[in-house]
Amino acid sequence: MNAIFNSKAMINGKWYKKYSKVGIYKLTKVKTNSVLLRSADKSKELFIRNKHGSRFKFSSK
């Protein structure tokens, strides 16, 4: 994920708003530093780069 602005997220160079489809996932929540993507059986949270230089943090359930 590249950026978050006005409750939209830039993922792989394209802007998405809440409830947009991102591949097989739906963008279900836009937070200050992350977004939540959900499919029928998985959820993923993508994080933007933090001050310490980490490019991104990825978690899956």
C-alpha atoms as a PDB file:
ATOM      1  CA  MET A   1       0.000   0.000   0.000  1.00  0.00           C
ATOM      2  CA  ASN A   2       1.368   3.381  -0.977  1.00  0.00           C
ATOM      3  CA  ALA A   3      -0.845   5.992   0.733  1.00  0.00           C
ATOM      4  CA  ILE A   4      -4.089   6.821   2.570  1.00  0.00           C
ATOM      5  CA  PHE A   5      -5.930  10.091   1.875  1.00  0.00           C
ATOM      6  CA  ASN A   6      -9.555  11.178   2.438  1.00  0.00           C
ATOM      7  CA  SER A   7     -10.630   7.652   3.431  1.00  0.00           C
ATOM      8  CA  LYS A   8      -9.136   6.223   0.233  1.00  0.00           C
ATOM      9  CA  ALA A   9      -6.119   3.967  -0.130  1.00  0.00           C
ATOM     10  CA  MET A  10      -3.558   3.760  -2.906  1.00  0.00           C
ATOM     11  CA  ILE A  11      -2.718   0.100  -3.464  1.00  0.00           C
ATOM     12  CA  ASN A  12      -0.291  -0.827  -6.247  1.00  0.00           C
ATOM     13  CA  GLY A  13      -0.590   2.659  -7.737  1.00  0.00           C
ATOM     14  CA  LYS A  14      -4.405   2.722  -7.926  1.00  0.00           C
ATOM     15  CA  TRP A  15      -6.851   4.539  -5.587  1.00  0.00           C
ATOM     16  CA  TYR A  16      -9.601   2.536  -3.851  1.00  0.00           C
ATOM     17  CA  LYS A  17     -12.427   3.668  -1.579  1.00  0.00           C
ATOM     18  CA  LYS A  18     -14.281   1.679   1.075  1.00  0.00           C
ATOM     19  CA  TYR A  19     -16.169  -1.349  -0.328  1.00  0.00           C
ATOM     20  CA  SER A  20     -14.152  -1.339  -3.574  1.00  0.00           C
ATOM     21  CA  LYS A  21     -12.963  -4.661  -4.967  1.00  0.00           C
ATOM     22  CA  VAL A  22      -9.188  -5.205  -4.817  1.00  0.00           C
ATOM     23  CA  GLY A  23      -8.605  -8.473  -6.654  1.00  0.00           C
ATOM     24  CA  ILE A  24     -10.581 -11.159  -4.798  1.00  0.00           C
ATOM     25  CA  TYR A  25     -10.847  -8.907  -1.726  1.00  0.00           C
ATOM     26  CA  LYS A  26     -13.151  -6.081  -0.696  1.00  0.00           C
ATOM     27  CA  LEU A  27     -11.706  -3.040   1.072  1.00  0.00           C
ATOM     28  CA  THR A  28     -13.819  -3.032   4.232  1.00  0.00           C
ATOM     29  CA  LYS A  29     -12.080  -0.508   6.489  1.00  0.00           C
ATOM     30  CA  VAL A  30      -9.746   2.454   6.013  1.00  0.00           C
ATOM     31  CA  LYS A  31      -7.779   3.437   9.126  1.00  0.00           C
ATOM     32  CA  THR A  32      -5.150   6.138   9.670  1.00  0.00           C
ATOM     33  CA  ASN A  33      -2.191   3.856   8.830  1.00  0.00           C
ATOM     34  CA  SER A  34      -3.760   0.696   7.443  1.00  0.00           C
ATOM     35  CA  VAL A  35      -6.625  -0.837   5.507  1.00  0.00           C
ATOM     36  CA  LEU A  36      -8.535  -4.066   6.016  1.00  0.00           C
ATOM     37  CA  LEU A  37      -9.220  -6.325   3.036  1.00  0.00           C
ATOM     38  CA  ARG A  38     -11.652  -9.261   3.280  1.00  0.00           C
ATOM     39  CA  SER A  39     -12.635 -12.145   1.059  1.00  0.00           C
ATOM     40  CA  ALA A  40     -15.121 -14.926   1.773  1.00  0.00           C
ATOM     41  CA  ASP A  41     -12.623 -16.825   3.937  1.00  0.00           C
ATOM     42  CA  LYS A  42      -9.633 -14.518   4.625  1.00  0.00           C
ATOM     43  CA  SER A  43      -8.852 -11.076   5.937  1.00  0.00           C
ATOM     44  CA  LYS A  44      -5.657  -9.085   5.406  1.00  0.00           C
ATOM     45  CA  GLU A  45      -4.497  -5.823   6.908  1.00  0.00           C
ATOM     46  CA  LEU A  46      -2.065  -3.703   4.883  1.00  0.00           C
ATOM     47  CA  PHE A  47       0.005  -0.976   6.565  1.00  0.00           C
ATOM     48  CA  ILE A  48       1.714   2.089   5.109  1.00  0.00           C
ATOM     49  CA  ARG A  49       5.411   2.770   5.693  1.00  0.00           C
ATOM     50  CA  ASN A  50       6.277   3.910   9.205  1.00  0.00           C
ATOM     51  CA  LYS A  51       8.852   6.441  10.480  1.00  0.00           C
ATOM     52  CA  HIS A  52      11.422   3.714  11.194  1.00  0.00           C
ATOM     53  CA  GLY A  53      11.805   2.883   7.509  1.00  0.00           C
ATOM     54  CA  SER A  54       9.802  -0.315   7.389  1.00  0.00           C
ATOM     55  CA  ARG A  55       8.222  -0.527   3.965  1.00  0.00           C
ATOM     56  CA  PHE A  56       5.077  -2.269   5.090  1.00  0.00           C
ATOM     57  CA  LYS A  57       3.657  -4.671   7.614  1.00  0.00           C
ATOM     58  CA  PHE A  58       1.424  -7.499   6.499  1.00  0.00           C
ATOM     59  CA  SER A  59      -0.815  -9.727   8.572  1.00  0.00           C
ATOM     60  CA  SER A  60      -3.298 -12.375   7.527  1.00  0.00           C
ATOM     61  CA  LYS A  61      -5.965 -14.321   9.413  1.00  0.00           C
END
